[in-house]
Amino acid sequence: MAVTAPKIKLIPVAIVVFAIGLLAVVSTFGLFASGRTELPLWLNLACLLLPIGLALGVFAVFRQSRKDRG
């Protein structure tokens, strides 16, 4: 029988958070390129989701690899 690896539950959350942050960063660049300078605070704060999602993903993979080692 093939042994399947345990599912990492934090990875899908990290992917969604990263994707929302990436969308916010792309829209911020687009708005700046179109000449807008006064962007809403929520959009600037949403850009912070990109590194948070990346950190969550790295943490989840690191934690899973530590569990696999014993």
Protein backbone atom coordinates (compact mmCIF):
# COMPACT_ATOMS: atom_id res chain seq x y z
CA MET A 1 0.00 0.00 0.00
CA ALA A 2 1.13 3.48 -0.78
CA VAL A 3 1.49 5.83 2.14
CA THR A 4 0.14 9.29 1.45
CA ALA A 5 1.63 12.35 3.04
CA PRO A 6 -0.52 14.10 5.62
CA LYS A 7 -2.34 17.11 4.27
CA ILE A 8 -1.02 20.51 5.31
CA LYS A 9 -4.06 22.57 6.32
CA LEU A 10 -2.28 25.91 6.47
CA ILE A 11 -1.09 25.88 2.85
CA PRO A 12 -4.48 26.69 1.23
CA VAL A 13 -4.93 29.57 3.67
CA ALA A 14 -1.47 30.86 2.83
CA ILE A 15 -2.20 30.63 -0.90
CA VAL A 16 -5.44 32.61 -0.58
CA VAL A 17 -3.82 35.30 1.59
CA PHE A 18 -0.87 35.54 -0.82
CA ALA A 19 -3.20 35.78 -3.85
CA ILE A 20 -5.26 38.57 -2.27
CA GLY A 21 -2.08 40.45 -1.42
CA LEU A 22 -0.74 39.97 -4.94
CA LEU A 23 -3.98 41.30 -6.40
CA ALA A 24 -3.74 44.33 -4.12
CA VAL A 25 -0.14 45.02 -5.16
CA VAL A 26 -0.97 44.72 -8.86
CA SER A 27 -3.96 47.03 -8.50
CA THR A 28 -1.86 49.53 -6.54
CA PHE A 29 0.74 49.60 -9.33
CA GLY A 30 -2.03 49.98 -11.88
CA LEU A 31 -3.61 52.87 -10.03
CA PHE A 32 -0.25 54.62 -9.63
CA ALA A 33 0.47 54.12 -13.34
CA SER A 34 -2.86 55.69 -14.22
CA GLY A 35 -2.02 58.81 -12.24
CA ARG A 36 -3.82 58.24 -8.95
CA THR A 37 -1.75 59.22 -5.94
CA GLU A 38 -4.21 59.21 -3.04
CA LEU A 39 -5.04 55.54 -2.57
CA PRO A 40 -7.36 54.28 0.15
CA LEU A 41 -5.85 52.97 3.36
CA TRP A 42 -7.52 49.57 3.02
CA LEU A 43 -5.74 49.01 -0.29
CA ASN A 44 -2.36 49.84 1.22
CA LEU A 45 -3.08 47.52 4.13
CA ALA A 46 -4.22 44.77 1.76
CA CYS A 47 -0.78 44.91 0.14
CA LEU A 48 0.63 43.63 3.44
CA LEU A 49 -1.19 40.35 2.88
CA LEU A 50 1.39 39.34 0.25
CA PRO A 51 4.35 38.92 2.64
CA ILE A 52 2.04 37.55 5.35
CA GLY A 53 0.84 34.83 2.97
CA LEU A 54 4.40 34.05 1.95
CA ALA A 55 5.49 33.78 5.58
CA LEU A 56 2.53 31.52 6.39
CA GLY A 57 3.42 29.22 3.51
CA VAL A 58 7.06 29.00 4.47
CA PHE A 59 6.11 28.38 8.10
CA ALA A 60 3.65 25.63 7.14
CA VAL A 61 6.17 23.83 4.93
CA PHE A 62 8.89 24.15 7.56
CA ARG A 63 6.56 22.84 10.26
CA GLN A 64 5.50 19.89 8.11
CA SER A 65 9.09 18.98 7.29
CA ARG A 66 9.95 19.01 11.00
CA LYS A 67 7.00 16.68 11.71
CA ASP A 68 8.10 14.29 8.97
CA ARG A 69 11.60 14.03 10.39
CA GLY A 70 10.33 12.97 13.79
